Protein backbone atom coordinates (compact mmCIF):
# COMPACT_ATOMS: atom_id res chain seq x y z
CA MET A 1 -27.34 -8.88 53.07
CA LYS A 2 -30.88 -10.09 52.64
CA LYS A 3 -32.45 -11.61 55.72
CA GLY A 4 -34.67 -14.63 55.30
CA ILE A 5 -35.93 -17.26 57.69
CA ASP A 6 -34.41 -17.66 61.15
CA ASN A 7 -31.41 -19.67 59.99
CA MET A 8 -30.29 -20.61 63.52
CA LYS A 9 -33.43 -22.73 63.81
CA ASN A 10 -33.46 -23.96 60.23
CA ASN A 11 -30.35 -25.55 58.83
CA CYS A 12 -29.76 -24.80 55.18
CA ILE A 13 -27.49 -26.09 52.46
CA LEU A 14 -25.00 -23.59 51.04
CA ARG A 15 -25.03 -22.78 47.33
CA HIS A 16 -23.84 -19.94 45.07
CA ASN A 17 -26.33 -17.23 44.19
CA ASP A 18 -26.40 -15.27 40.91
CA GLN A 19 -23.66 -12.93 42.19
CA GLY A 20 -21.40 -15.84 43.18
CA ARG A 21 -21.89 -15.35 46.92
CA LEU A 22 -22.60 -18.23 49.26
CA SER A 23 -26.31 -18.26 50.04
CA PHE A 24 -29.30 -20.21 51.25
CA THR A 25 -32.23 -20.95 48.94
CA ASP A 26 -34.36 -18.37 50.80
CA GLY A 27 -32.13 -15.57 49.47
CA TYR A 28 -30.02 -15.02 52.60
CA TYR A 29 -26.38 -14.61 51.55
CA PHE A 30 -22.99 -14.27 53.22
CA THR A 31 -20.20 -11.75 52.76
CA SER A 32 -16.61 -11.72 54.03
CA GLY A 33 -16.25 -11.54 57.79
CA GLN A 34 -19.75 -12.78 58.48
CA PRO A 35 -20.19 -15.37 61.28
CA ILE A 36 -21.46 -18.81 60.31
CA LYS A 37 -21.78 -22.31 61.77
CA VAL A 38 -21.08 -25.26 59.45
CA PHE A 39 -21.71 -28.97 59.89
CA TYR A 40 -18.42 -30.63 59.01
CA ASP A 41 -16.90 -33.99 59.91
CA GLY A 42 -19.94 -34.89 62.04
CA LYS A 43 -20.03 -31.74 64.19
CA TRP A 44 -21.07 -28.08 64.19
CA ILE A 45 -18.19 -25.60 64.01
CA ASP A 46 -18.43 -21.83 64.58
CA GLY A 47 -16.39 -19.52 62.40
CA ARG A 48 -16.73 -16.93 59.68
CA ILE A 49 -16.84 -16.60 55.92
CA GLU A 50 -13.91 -15.07 54.02
CA TYR A 51 -13.08 -14.68 50.33
CA SER A 52 -10.00 -16.19 48.68
CA HIS A 53 -8.71 -14.22 45.69
CA GLU A 54 -6.43 -17.17 44.89
CA TYR A 55 -9.33 -19.64 44.62
CA GLU A 56 -11.92 -17.01 43.61
CA ASP A 57 -14.45 -18.36 46.08
CA TYR A 58 -15.58 -18.05 49.68
CA TYR A 59 -14.29 -20.32 52.42
CA PHE A 60 -14.89 -21.03 56.12
CA ILE A 61 -12.33 -20.19 58.78
CA ASN A 62 -12.07 -20.85 62.52
CA GLU A 63 -8.75 -19.26 63.50
CA ASN A 64 -8.84 -20.48 67.11
CA LYS A 65 -8.79 -24.12 65.98
CA GLY A 66 -6.90 -23.58 62.72
CA ILE A 67 -9.79 -24.89 60.62
CA TYR A 68 -10.11 -23.82 56.99
CA ILE A 69 -12.82 -25.35 54.80
CA TYR A 70 -13.04 -24.72 51.06
CA ASN A 71 -15.66 -25.93 48.54
CA LEU A 72 -18.61 -25.05 50.75
CA VAL A 73 -21.35 -25.65 48.19
CA GLY A 74 -23.58 -28.42 49.53
CA VAL A 75 -22.41 -28.01 53.14
CA GLU A 76 -25.10 -27.70 55.83
CA ALA A 77 -24.86 -24.37 57.65
CA LYS A 78 -26.54 -21.86 59.96
CA SER A 79 -26.22 -18.09 60.04
CA LEU A 80 -25.00 -16.68 63.36
CA ASP A 81 -26.31 -13.17 62.63
């Protein structure tokens, strides 16, 4: 994964890069199993990124709270790496 700016201090909007991975505009991208924090429903939620073969896209999961979020393009996020 390419490291960019300190994403814990700078919130970024998720998008797809040329390889179809979720990424920030600075080039930092996510792969399956990678920790992430997303801003959803008015609050920050810790979790990780996984890939769905059924939907052919990445999604957010927080297993402890049973939260699954699909369609992450445009969602505000922070890397936890």
